[in-house]
N, C-alpha and C. Protein backbone atom coordinates (compact mmCIF):
# COMPACT_ATOMS: atom_id res chain seq x y z
N MET A 1 0.84 -1.18 0.00
CA MET A 1 0.00 0.00 0.00
C MET A 1 0.89 1.24 0.00
N ALA A 2 0.65 2.12 -0.96
CA ALA A 2 1.41 3.37 -1.03
C ALA A 2 0.97 4.31 0.10
N ARG A 3 1.93 5.06 0.61
CA ARG A 3 1.64 6.01 1.68
C ARG A 3 0.81 7.17 1.12
N ALA A 4 -0.26 7.53 1.81
CA ALA A 4 -1.16 8.58 1.35
C ALA A 4 -0.44 9.91 1.22
N THR A 5 -0.76 10.64 0.15
CA THR A 5 -0.20 11.97 -0.08
C THR A 5 -1.29 13.01 -0.33
N THR A 6 -2.56 12.58 -0.21
CA THR A 6 -3.68 13.50 -0.32
C THR A 6 -4.67 13.20 0.79
N LYS A 7 -5.53 14.16 1.07
CA LYS A 7 -6.55 13.96 2.10
C LYS A 7 -7.45 12.78 1.73
N ALA A 8 -7.88 12.71 0.49
CA ALA A 8 -8.76 11.62 0.06
C ALA A 8 -8.09 10.26 0.27
N ASP A 9 -6.83 10.16 -0.11
CA ASP A 9 -6.09 8.91 0.07
C ASP A 9 -5.90 8.58 1.55
N LEU A 10 -5.64 9.61 2.36
CA LEU A 10 -5.49 9.41 3.80
C LEU A 10 -6.77 8.85 4.41
N VAL A 11 -7.89 9.46 4.10
CA VAL A 11 -9.18 9.01 4.65
C VAL A 11 -9.48 7.59 4.19
N THR A 12 -9.28 7.32 2.91
CA THR A 12 -9.54 5.98 2.37
C THR A 12 -8.63 4.94 3.02
N ALA A 13 -7.34 5.26 3.10
CA ALA A 13 -6.37 4.31 3.67
C ALA A 13 -6.63 4.07 5.16
N ALA A 14 -6.86 5.15 5.91
CA ALA A 14 -7.06 5.02 7.35
C ALA A 14 -8.31 4.19 7.65
N ASN A 15 -9.42 4.54 7.01
CA ASN A 15 -10.65 3.78 7.26
C ASN A 15 -10.56 2.36 6.71
N GLY A 16 -9.93 2.21 5.55
CA GLY A 16 -9.78 0.88 4.96
C GLY A 16 -8.94 -0.06 5.81
N GLN A 17 -7.81 0.44 6.29
CA GLN A 17 -6.93 -0.39 7.12
C GLN A 17 -7.58 -0.67 8.49
N PHE A 18 -8.29 0.32 9.01
CA PHE A 18 -8.99 0.12 10.28
C PHE A 18 -10.04 -0.98 10.13
N ASP A 19 -10.80 -0.92 9.06
CA ASP A 19 -11.82 -1.95 8.80
C ASP A 19 -11.19 -3.32 8.60
N LYS A 20 -10.09 -3.37 7.86
CA LYS A 20 -9.39 -4.66 7.66
C LYS A 20 -8.91 -5.23 9.00
N MET A 21 -8.39 -4.36 9.85
CA MET A 21 -7.91 -4.81 11.15
C MET A 21 -9.06 -5.38 11.97
N TRP A 22 -10.20 -4.70 11.96
CA TRP A 22 -11.34 -5.19 12.75
C TRP A 22 -11.93 -6.47 12.17
N LYS A 23 -11.90 -6.63 10.86
CA LYS A 23 -12.36 -7.90 10.27
C LYS A 23 -11.47 -9.04 10.75
N LEU A 24 -10.19 -8.78 10.83
CA LEU A 24 -9.24 -9.77 11.32
C LEU A 24 -9.55 -10.11 12.79
N ILE A 25 -9.76 -9.09 13.60
CA ILE A 25 -10.05 -9.30 15.03
C ILE A 25 -11.40 -9.99 15.21
N ASP A 26 -12.40 -9.51 14.49
CA ASP A 26 -13.74 -10.10 14.61
C ASP A 26 -13.77 -11.55 14.14
N GLY A 27 -12.84 -11.92 13.28
CA GLY A 27 -12.76 -13.30 12.79
C GLY A 27 -12.06 -14.25 13.76
N MET A 28 -11.50 -13.71 14.83
CA MET A 28 -10.80 -14.51 15.83
C MET A 28 -11.81 -15.03 16.85
N ARG A 29 -11.63 -16.26 17.26
CA ARG A 29 -12.44 -16.75 18.39
C ARG A 29 -12.07 -15.95 19.63
N GLU A 30 -13.01 -15.83 20.55
CA GLU A 30 -12.80 -15.02 21.75
C GLU A 30 -11.57 -15.48 22.54
N GLU A 31 -11.34 -16.78 22.61
CA GLU A 31 -10.19 -17.24 23.39
C GLU A 31 -8.86 -16.83 22.74
N ILE A 32 -8.85 -16.69 21.42
CA ILE A 32 -7.63 -16.22 20.75
C ILE A 32 -7.47 -14.72 20.99
N GLN A 33 -8.58 -13.98 20.95
CA GLN A 33 -8.52 -12.55 21.23
C GLN A 33 -7.95 -12.28 22.62
N LYS A 34 -8.33 -13.12 23.58
CA LYS A 34 -7.93 -12.88 24.97
C LYS A 34 -6.62 -13.57 25.36
N ALA A 35 -6.13 -14.44 24.50
CA ALA A 35 -4.92 -15.21 24.83
C ALA A 35 -3.67 -14.36 24.77
N ASN A 36 -2.70 -14.71 25.60
CA ASN A 36 -1.38 -14.10 25.50
C ASN A 36 -0.70 -14.58 24.24
N PHE A 37 0.18 -13.75 23.71
CA PHE A 37 0.94 -14.11 22.52
C PHE A 37 1.86 -15.28 22.83
N ALA A 38 2.10 -16.10 21.83
CA ALA A 38 3.05 -17.21 21.96
C ALA A 38 4.45 -16.65 22.22
N ASP A 39 5.26 -17.42 22.94
CA ASP A 39 6.61 -16.98 23.29
C ASP A 39 7.44 -16.56 22.08
N GLU A 40 7.25 -17.25 20.94
CA GLU A 40 8.07 -16.94 19.77
C GLU A 40 7.79 -15.55 19.20
N MET A 41 6.66 -14.94 19.55
CA MET A 41 6.39 -13.59 19.06
C MET A 41 7.35 -12.57 19.65
N ALA A 42 7.87 -12.84 20.83
CA ALA A 42 8.80 -11.91 21.48
C ALA A 42 10.09 -11.75 20.68
N SER A 43 10.40 -12.73 19.85
CA SER A 43 11.63 -12.66 19.06
C SER A 43 11.34 -12.63 17.56
N ALA A 44 10.13 -12.23 17.19
CA ALA A 44 9.74 -12.19 15.77
C ALA A 44 10.44 -11.09 14.99
N GLY A 45 10.95 -10.11 15.69
CA GLY A 45 11.67 -9.01 15.04
C GLY A 45 12.62 -8.36 16.03
N LYS A 46 13.45 -7.46 15.52
CA LYS A 46 14.45 -6.80 16.37
C LYS A 46 13.85 -5.66 17.18
N GLU A 47 12.73 -5.10 16.71
CA GLU A 47 12.12 -3.96 17.38
C GLU A 47 11.60 -4.36 18.75
N ILE A 48 11.67 -3.42 19.69
CA ILE A 48 11.30 -3.70 21.08
C ILE A 48 9.83 -4.07 21.24
N HIS A 49 8.97 -3.59 20.34
CA HIS A 49 7.55 -3.88 20.48
C HIS A 49 7.24 -5.37 20.41
N TRP A 50 8.10 -6.15 19.78
CA TRP A 50 7.84 -7.59 19.69
C TRP A 50 7.90 -8.23 21.07
N SER A 51 8.77 -7.75 21.92
CA SER A 51 8.83 -8.30 23.29
C SER A 51 7.94 -7.52 24.25
N ARG A 52 7.61 -6.27 23.93
CA ARG A 52 6.78 -5.44 24.82
C ARG A 52 5.32 -5.93 24.86
N ASP A 53 4.72 -6.08 23.71
CA ASP A 53 3.29 -6.42 23.64
C ASP A 53 3.08 -7.91 23.89
N LYS A 54 2.19 -8.21 24.84
CA LYS A 54 1.97 -9.60 25.25
C LYS A 54 0.64 -10.17 24.77
N ASN A 55 -0.25 -9.30 24.25
CA ASN A 55 -1.57 -9.76 23.85
C ASN A 55 -2.23 -8.70 22.97
N LEU A 56 -3.42 -9.04 22.47
CA LEU A 56 -4.16 -8.14 21.60
C LEU A 56 -4.46 -6.82 22.29
N ARG A 57 -4.83 -6.86 23.55
CA ARG A 57 -5.11 -5.64 24.30
C ARG A 57 -3.95 -4.67 24.24
N ASP A 58 -2.74 -5.17 24.41
CA ASP A 58 -1.55 -4.32 24.38
C ASP A 58 -1.42 -3.60 23.04
N VAL A 59 -1.70 -4.30 21.97
CA VAL A 59 -1.62 -3.71 20.63
C VAL A 59 -2.69 -2.63 20.46
N LEU A 60 -3.90 -2.93 20.90
CA LEU A 60 -5.01 -1.98 20.73
C LEU A 60 -4.83 -0.72 21.58
N VAL A 61 -4.36 -0.87 22.81
CA VAL A 61 -4.16 0.34 23.63
C VAL A 61 -2.99 1.16 23.11
N HIS A 62 -2.01 0.51 22.49
CA HIS A 62 -0.92 1.25 21.86
C HIS A 62 -1.48 2.16 20.76
N LEU A 63 -2.32 1.62 19.91
CA LEU A 63 -2.94 2.41 18.85
C LEU A 63 -3.77 3.55 19.44
N TYR A 64 -4.54 3.25 20.47
CA TYR A 64 -5.36 4.25 21.15
C TYR A 64 -4.51 5.39 21.70
N GLU A 65 -3.43 5.05 22.37
CA GLU A 65 -2.57 6.07 22.97
C GLU A 65 -1.92 6.96 21.90
N TRP A 66 -1.57 6.39 20.75
CA TRP A 66 -1.00 7.20 19.67
C TRP A 66 -2.06 8.08 19.04
N HIS A 67 -3.30 7.61 19.00
CA HIS A 67 -4.39 8.49 18.58
C HIS A 67 -4.48 9.68 19.52
N LYS A 68 -4.43 9.42 20.83
CA LYS A 68 -4.51 10.48 21.82
C LYS A 68 -3.37 11.48 21.66
N LEU A 69 -2.16 10.98 21.41
CA LEU A 69 -1.02 11.87 21.17
C LEU A 69 -1.32 12.82 20.02
N LEU A 70 -1.81 12.27 18.92
CA LEU A 70 -2.12 13.08 17.74
C LEU A 70 -3.22 14.10 18.05
N LEU A 71 -4.30 13.64 18.65
CA LEU A 71 -5.43 14.52 18.96
C LEU A 71 -5.02 15.65 19.90
N ASP A 72 -4.30 15.32 20.96
CA ASP A 72 -3.88 16.32 21.94
C ASP A 72 -2.91 17.32 21.34
N TRP A 73 -2.00 16.84 20.51
CA TRP A 73 -1.00 17.69 19.88
C TRP A 73 -1.66 18.69 18.93
N ILE A 74 -2.56 18.20 18.10
CA ILE A 74 -3.24 19.08 17.15
C ILE A 74 -4.10 20.10 17.89
N LYS A 75 -4.86 19.65 18.87
CA LYS A 75 -5.74 20.56 19.62
C LYS A 75 -4.93 21.66 20.30
N ALA A 76 -3.87 21.26 20.99
CA ALA A 76 -3.05 22.25 21.71
C ALA A 76 -2.49 23.29 20.74
N ASN A 77 -1.91 22.85 19.65
CA ASN A 77 -1.29 23.78 18.71
C ASN A 77 -2.33 24.63 17.98
N ASN A 78 -3.48 24.06 17.67
CA ASN A 78 -4.55 24.85 17.05
C ASN A 78 -5.08 25.91 18.02
N ASP A 79 -4.99 25.62 19.32
CA ASP A 79 -5.44 26.57 20.34
C ASP A 79 -4.35 27.57 20.72
N GLY A 80 -3.22 27.53 20.02
CA GLY A 80 -2.16 28.50 20.26
C GLY A 80 -1.12 28.08 21.29
N GLU A 81 -1.24 26.86 21.81
CA GLU A 81 -0.25 26.36 22.77
C GLU A 81 0.83 25.62 22.00
N SER A 82 2.04 26.08 22.09
CA SER A 82 3.15 25.42 21.39
C SER A 82 3.50 24.13 22.13
N LYS A 83 3.22 23.02 21.49
CA LYS A 83 3.40 21.72 22.13
C LYS A 83 4.03 20.76 21.13
N PRO A 84 5.10 20.05 21.53
CA PRO A 84 5.68 19.05 20.62
C PRO A 84 4.78 17.81 20.54
N PHE A 85 4.94 17.03 19.49
CA PHE A 85 4.13 15.83 19.33
C PHE A 85 4.37 14.85 20.49
N LEU A 86 5.62 14.58 20.77
CA LEU A 86 5.95 13.67 21.86
C LEU A 86 6.07 14.46 23.15
N PRO A 87 5.45 13.97 24.22
CA PRO A 87 5.53 14.70 25.50
C PRO A 87 6.94 14.62 26.08
N GLU A 88 7.30 15.66 26.83
CA GLU A 88 8.60 15.64 27.52
C GLU A 88 8.58 14.53 28.55
N PRO A 89 9.67 13.85 28.76
CA PRO A 89 11.02 14.12 28.28
C PRO A 89 11.38 13.36 27.01
N TYR A 90 10.40 12.88 26.27
CA TYR A 90 10.67 11.98 25.14
C TYR A 90 10.96 12.74 23.85
N ASN A 91 11.71 12.07 22.97
CA ASN A 91 11.96 12.59 21.64
C ASN A 91 11.96 11.38 20.69
N TRP A 92 12.26 11.61 19.42
CA TRP A 92 12.17 10.51 18.44
C TRP A 92 13.26 9.46 18.64
N ARG A 93 14.26 9.74 19.44
CA ARG A 93 15.27 8.72 19.76
C ARG A 93 14.88 7.92 20.99
N THR A 94 14.01 8.47 21.83
CA THR A 94 13.68 7.82 23.11
C THR A 94 12.21 7.42 23.24
N TYR A 95 11.45 7.53 22.16
CA TYR A 95 10.01 7.27 22.27
C TYR A 95 9.68 5.82 22.61
N SER A 96 10.62 4.90 22.41
CA SER A 96 10.33 3.50 22.81
C SER A 96 10.15 3.42 24.32
N SER A 97 10.84 4.27 25.07
CA SER A 97 10.64 4.31 26.52
C SER A 97 9.24 4.83 26.85
N MET A 98 8.76 5.79 26.08
CA MET A 98 7.41 6.29 26.27
C MET A 98 6.40 5.18 25.99
N ASN A 99 6.65 4.42 24.93
CA ASN A 99 5.74 3.31 24.59
C ASN A 99 5.67 2.29 25.72
N ILE A 100 6.77 2.05 26.39
CA ILE A 100 6.77 1.13 27.53
C ILE A 100 5.92 1.71 28.66
N GLU A 101 6.03 3.01 28.91
CA GLU A 101 5.19 3.64 29.94
C GLU A 101 3.71 3.55 29.58
N LEU A 102 3.40 3.74 28.31
CA LEU A 102 2.01 3.61 27.87
C LEU A 102 1.53 2.18 28.06
N TRP A 103 2.40 1.22 27.78
CA TRP A 103 2.08 -0.21 27.97
C TRP A 103 1.78 -0.47 29.45
N LYS A 104 2.64 0.03 30.33
CA LYS A 104 2.46 -0.17 31.78
C LYS A 104 1.13 0.42 32.24
N LYS A 105 0.80 1.59 31.73
CA LYS A 105 -0.42 2.29 32.11
C LYS A 105 -1.68 1.45 31.89
N HIS A 106 -1.64 0.56 30.91
CA HIS A 106 -2.85 -0.18 30.51
C HIS A 106 -2.84 -1.65 30.90
N GLN A 107 -1.99 -2.05 31.79
CA GLN A 107 -1.94 -3.47 32.13
C GLN A 107 -3.20 -3.97 32.85
N SER A 108 -4.00 -3.08 33.38
CA SER A 108 -5.26 -3.52 33.99
C SER A 108 -6.48 -3.12 33.14
N THR A 109 -6.25 -2.62 31.95
CA THR A 109 -7.35 -2.27 31.05
C THR A 109 -7.90 -3.56 30.44
N PRO A 110 -9.20 -3.81 30.57
CA PRO A 110 -9.78 -5.01 29.95
C PRO A 110 -9.79 -4.90 28.42
N LEU A 111 -9.72 -6.03 27.75
CA LEU A 111 -9.71 -6.06 26.29
C LEU A 111 -10.93 -5.32 25.72
N GLU A 112 -12.10 -5.55 26.27
CA GLU A 112 -13.32 -4.91 25.76
C GLU A 112 -13.21 -3.39 25.84
N GLU A 113 -12.65 -2.88 26.92
CA GLU A 113 -12.46 -1.44 27.07
C GLU A 113 -11.45 -0.92 26.05
N ALA A 114 -10.39 -1.68 25.83
CA ALA A 114 -9.38 -1.29 24.83
C ALA A 114 -10.02 -1.20 23.45
N MET A 115 -10.88 -2.16 23.14
CA MET A 115 -11.57 -2.16 21.84
C MET A 115 -12.45 -0.92 21.70
N THR A 116 -13.21 -0.62 22.74
CA THR A 116 -14.11 0.53 22.72
C THR A 116 -13.32 1.83 22.58
N LYS A 117 -12.27 1.97 23.39
CA LYS A 117 -11.45 3.19 23.35
C LYS A 117 -10.84 3.39 21.95
N LEU A 118 -10.36 2.32 21.34
CA LEU A 118 -9.73 2.44 20.03
C LEU A 118 -10.76 2.83 18.97
N LYS A 119 -11.92 2.21 19.00
CA LYS A 119 -12.96 2.57 18.01
C LYS A 119 -13.36 4.03 18.16
N GLU A 120 -13.50 4.50 19.38
CA GLU A 120 -13.87 5.91 19.62
C GLU A 120 -12.75 6.86 19.19
N SER A 121 -11.51 6.51 19.52
CA SER A 121 -10.40 7.41 19.16
C SER A 121 -10.20 7.45 17.65
N HIS A 122 -10.43 6.33 16.97
CA HIS A 122 -10.33 6.34 15.50
C HIS A 122 -11.36 7.32 14.93
N LYS A 123 -12.59 7.26 15.43
CA LYS A 123 -13.63 8.19 14.96
C LYS A 123 -13.22 9.64 15.22
N ASP A 124 -12.65 9.89 16.40
CA ASP A 124 -12.21 11.24 16.75
C ASP A 124 -11.10 11.73 15.81
N VAL A 125 -10.16 10.85 15.51
CA VAL A 125 -9.06 11.22 14.60
C VAL A 125 -9.62 11.50 13.21
N MET A 126 -10.51 10.64 12.74
CA MET A 126 -11.06 10.84 11.39
C MET A 126 -11.89 12.12 11.32
N SER A 127 -12.62 12.44 12.37
CA SER A 127 -13.39 13.70 12.41
C SER A 127 -12.45 14.89 12.37
N LEU A 128 -11.35 14.80 13.07
CA LEU A 128 -10.37 15.89 13.07
C LEU A 128 -9.73 16.05 11.69
N ILE A 129 -9.37 14.95 11.07
CA ILE A 129 -8.77 15.00 9.73
C ILE A 129 -9.72 15.71 8.76
N GLU A 130 -11.00 15.42 8.87
CA GLU A 130 -12.00 16.02 7.97
C GLU A 130 -12.02 17.54 8.06
N LYS A 131 -11.61 18.10 9.19
CA LYS A 131 -11.65 19.56 9.39
C LYS A 131 -10.53 20.29 8.64
N PHE A 132 -9.53 19.54 8.20
CA PHE A 132 -8.40 20.15 7.51
C PHE A 132 -8.54 20.01 6.00
N SER A 133 -8.03 21.00 5.28
CA SER A 133 -8.02 20.92 3.82
C SER A 133 -6.88 20.00 3.37
N ASN A 134 -6.90 19.66 2.11
CA ASN A 134 -5.81 18.87 1.54
C ASN A 134 -4.48 19.59 1.72
N ASP A 135 -4.46 20.89 1.44
CA ASP A 135 -3.20 21.66 1.58
C ASP A 135 -2.75 21.73 3.03
N GLU A 136 -3.67 21.89 3.96
CA GLU A 136 -3.28 21.94 5.37
C GLU A 136 -2.66 20.62 5.80
N LEU A 137 -3.14 19.53 5.22
CA LEU A 137 -2.60 18.21 5.58
C LEU A 137 -1.31 17.88 4.84
N PHE A 138 -1.19 18.28 3.58
CA PHE A 138 -0.09 17.76 2.78
C PHE A 138 0.81 18.80 2.11
N ALA A 139 0.63 20.08 2.40
CA ALA A 139 1.56 21.09 1.88
C ALA A 139 2.62 21.36 2.94
N LYS A 140 3.87 21.32 2.51
CA LYS A 140 4.96 21.62 3.45
C LYS A 140 4.83 23.05 3.94
N GLY A 141 5.04 23.23 5.24
CA GLY A 141 5.00 24.56 5.83
C GLY A 141 3.60 25.09 6.11
N ALA A 142 2.58 24.25 5.98
CA ALA A 142 1.21 24.70 6.24
C ALA A 142 1.06 25.17 7.69
N PHE A 143 1.77 24.50 8.59
CA PHE A 143 1.75 24.87 10.02
C PHE A 143 3.18 24.90 10.52
N ASP A 144 3.54 25.95 11.22
CA ASP A 144 4.91 26.02 11.73
C ASP A 144 5.15 24.96 12.81
N TRP A 145 4.11 24.52 13.51
CA TRP A 145 4.27 23.57 14.60
C TRP A 145 4.50 22.13 14.15
N THR A 146 4.42 21.87 12.84
CA THR A 146 4.73 20.53 12.34
C THR A 146 6.19 20.40 11.92
N GLY A 147 6.92 21.51 12.05
CA GLY A 147 8.34 21.47 11.69
C GLY A 147 8.51 21.22 10.20
N THR A 148 9.43 20.33 9.86
CA THR A 148 9.70 20.03 8.45
C THR A 148 8.77 18.96 7.90
N SER A 149 7.91 18.41 8.74
CA SER A 149 6.97 17.38 8.29
C SER A 149 5.60 17.99 7.99
N MET A 150 4.81 17.26 7.27
CA MET A 150 3.44 17.68 6.98
C MET A 150 2.50 17.07 8.02
N LEU A 151 1.45 17.79 8.34
CA LEU A 151 0.46 17.28 9.29
C LEU A 151 -0.08 15.93 8.83
N GLY A 152 -0.31 15.79 7.54
CA GLY A 152 -0.82 14.54 7.00
C GLY A 152 0.09 13.36 7.27
N SER A 153 1.40 13.59 7.31
CA SER A 153 2.35 12.51 7.60
C SER A 153 2.14 11.96 9.02
N TYR A 154 1.90 12.87 9.95
CA TYR A 154 1.60 12.43 11.32
C TYR A 154 0.30 11.63 11.35
N CYS A 155 -0.68 12.09 10.59
CA CYS A 155 -1.98 11.41 10.55
C CYS A 155 -1.86 10.02 9.93
N VAL A 156 -1.09 9.90 8.86
CA VAL A 156 -0.86 8.59 8.24
C VAL A 156 -0.19 7.66 9.23
N SER A 157 0.83 8.17 9.91
CA SER A 157 1.56 7.34 10.87
C SER A 157 0.68 6.86 12.01
N ALA A 158 -0.22 7.71 12.50
CA ALA A 158 -1.08 7.34 13.63
C ALA A 158 -2.28 6.50 13.21
N THR A 159 -2.51 6.37 11.91
CA THR A 159 -3.67 5.60 11.45
C THR A 159 -3.23 4.45 10.54
N ALA A 160 -3.30 4.63 9.26
CA ALA A 160 -3.08 3.54 8.31
C ALA A 160 -1.77 2.77 8.54
N SER A 161 -0.68 3.49 8.71
CA SER A 161 0.61 2.80 8.93
C SER A 161 0.62 2.02 10.24
N HIS A 162 0.04 2.61 11.26
CA HIS A 162 -0.02 1.93 12.56
C HIS A 162 -0.97 0.73 12.51
N TYR A 163 -2.04 0.83 11.73
CA TYR A 163 -2.95 -0.30 11.59
C TYR A 163 -2.27 -1.45 10.85
N ASP A 164 -1.43 -1.12 9.87
CA ASP A 164 -0.64 -2.16 9.18
C ASP A 164 0.26 -2.88 10.18
N TRP A 165 0.93 -2.11 11.01
CA TRP A 165 1.81 -2.67 12.05
C TRP A 165 1.00 -3.62 12.94
N ALA A 166 -0.16 -3.18 13.38
CA ALA A 166 -0.99 -3.99 14.27
C ALA A 166 -1.43 -5.28 13.58
N MET A 167 -1.81 -5.18 12.31
CA MET A 167 -2.26 -6.39 11.61
C MET A 167 -1.16 -7.43 11.47
N LYS A 168 0.07 -6.99 11.29
CA LYS A 168 1.19 -7.94 11.23
C LYS A 168 1.28 -8.71 12.55
N LYS A 169 1.13 -8.00 13.65
CA LYS A 169 1.21 -8.66 14.96
C LYS A 169 0.02 -9.59 15.17
N ILE A 170 -1.15 -9.13 14.79
CA ILE A 170 -2.37 -9.94 14.98
C ILE A 170 -2.31 -11.20 14.12
N LYS A 171 -1.87 -11.06 12.88
CA LYS A 171 -1.75 -12.24 12.01
C LYS A 171 -0.76 -13.25 12.57
N LEU A 172 0.35 -12.76 13.10
CA LEU A 172 1.33 -13.68 13.69
C LEU A 172 0.75 -14.34 14.94
N HIS A 173 0.00 -13.59 15.71
CA HIS A 173 -0.66 -14.17 16.89
C HIS A 173 -1.60 -15.30 16.47
N ILE A 174 -2.40 -15.07 15.46
CA ILE A 174 -3.33 -16.10 14.98
C ILE A 174 -2.54 -17.34 14.51
N LYS A 175 -1.46 -17.09 13.78
CA LYS A 175 -0.64 -18.18 13.24
C LYS A 175 0.06 -18.99 14.34
N THR A 176 0.50 -18.32 15.40
CA THR A 176 1.29 -19.00 16.44
C THR A 176 0.47 -19.42 17.66
N TYR A 177 -0.83 -19.11 17.65
CA TYR A 177 -1.68 -19.45 18.81
C TYR A 177 -1.71 -20.96 19.01
N LYS A 178 -1.54 -21.34 20.26
CA LYS A 178 -1.59 -22.77 20.64
C LYS A 178 -2.67 -22.95 21.69
N GLU A 179 -3.54 -23.90 21.44
CA GLU A 179 -4.63 -24.14 22.39
C GLU A 179 -4.16 -24.88 23.61
């Protein structure tokens, strides 16, 4: 899937990947949805998320928290508050530590709540995207608070690209699940 470069492509990709992800989840038996990931998933890749996430809930709350980051960042900056995308003390070199903190925060969140929160936050993100023009999303320099990146790039990363990431993990979970 090519990375979206227009508002129309962003909306189509984000909603399409979200729907694909939910079809995958809805196709899982409840015991697979609630099961911990097989041990081999922890070493499926070099990235820390392979060992961090232990179950479907962990993946879904990760997506939810990144939606919240995007929503809060856009709201603050639109309201005139200069705020970086990643909260202090994190930056793009240390955000994996932030992801671990987000993971810890949700260890008592039930799967059903994670599902509800993610569906609601996706709707909120898509509603926010709709408020911006194509140029506001994809023209360089449209907002000084996005730095050298386009607002649309952040939106793609928090939606369609992140849903692709989640589906890879979910598919591997389904493949490696042992009764």
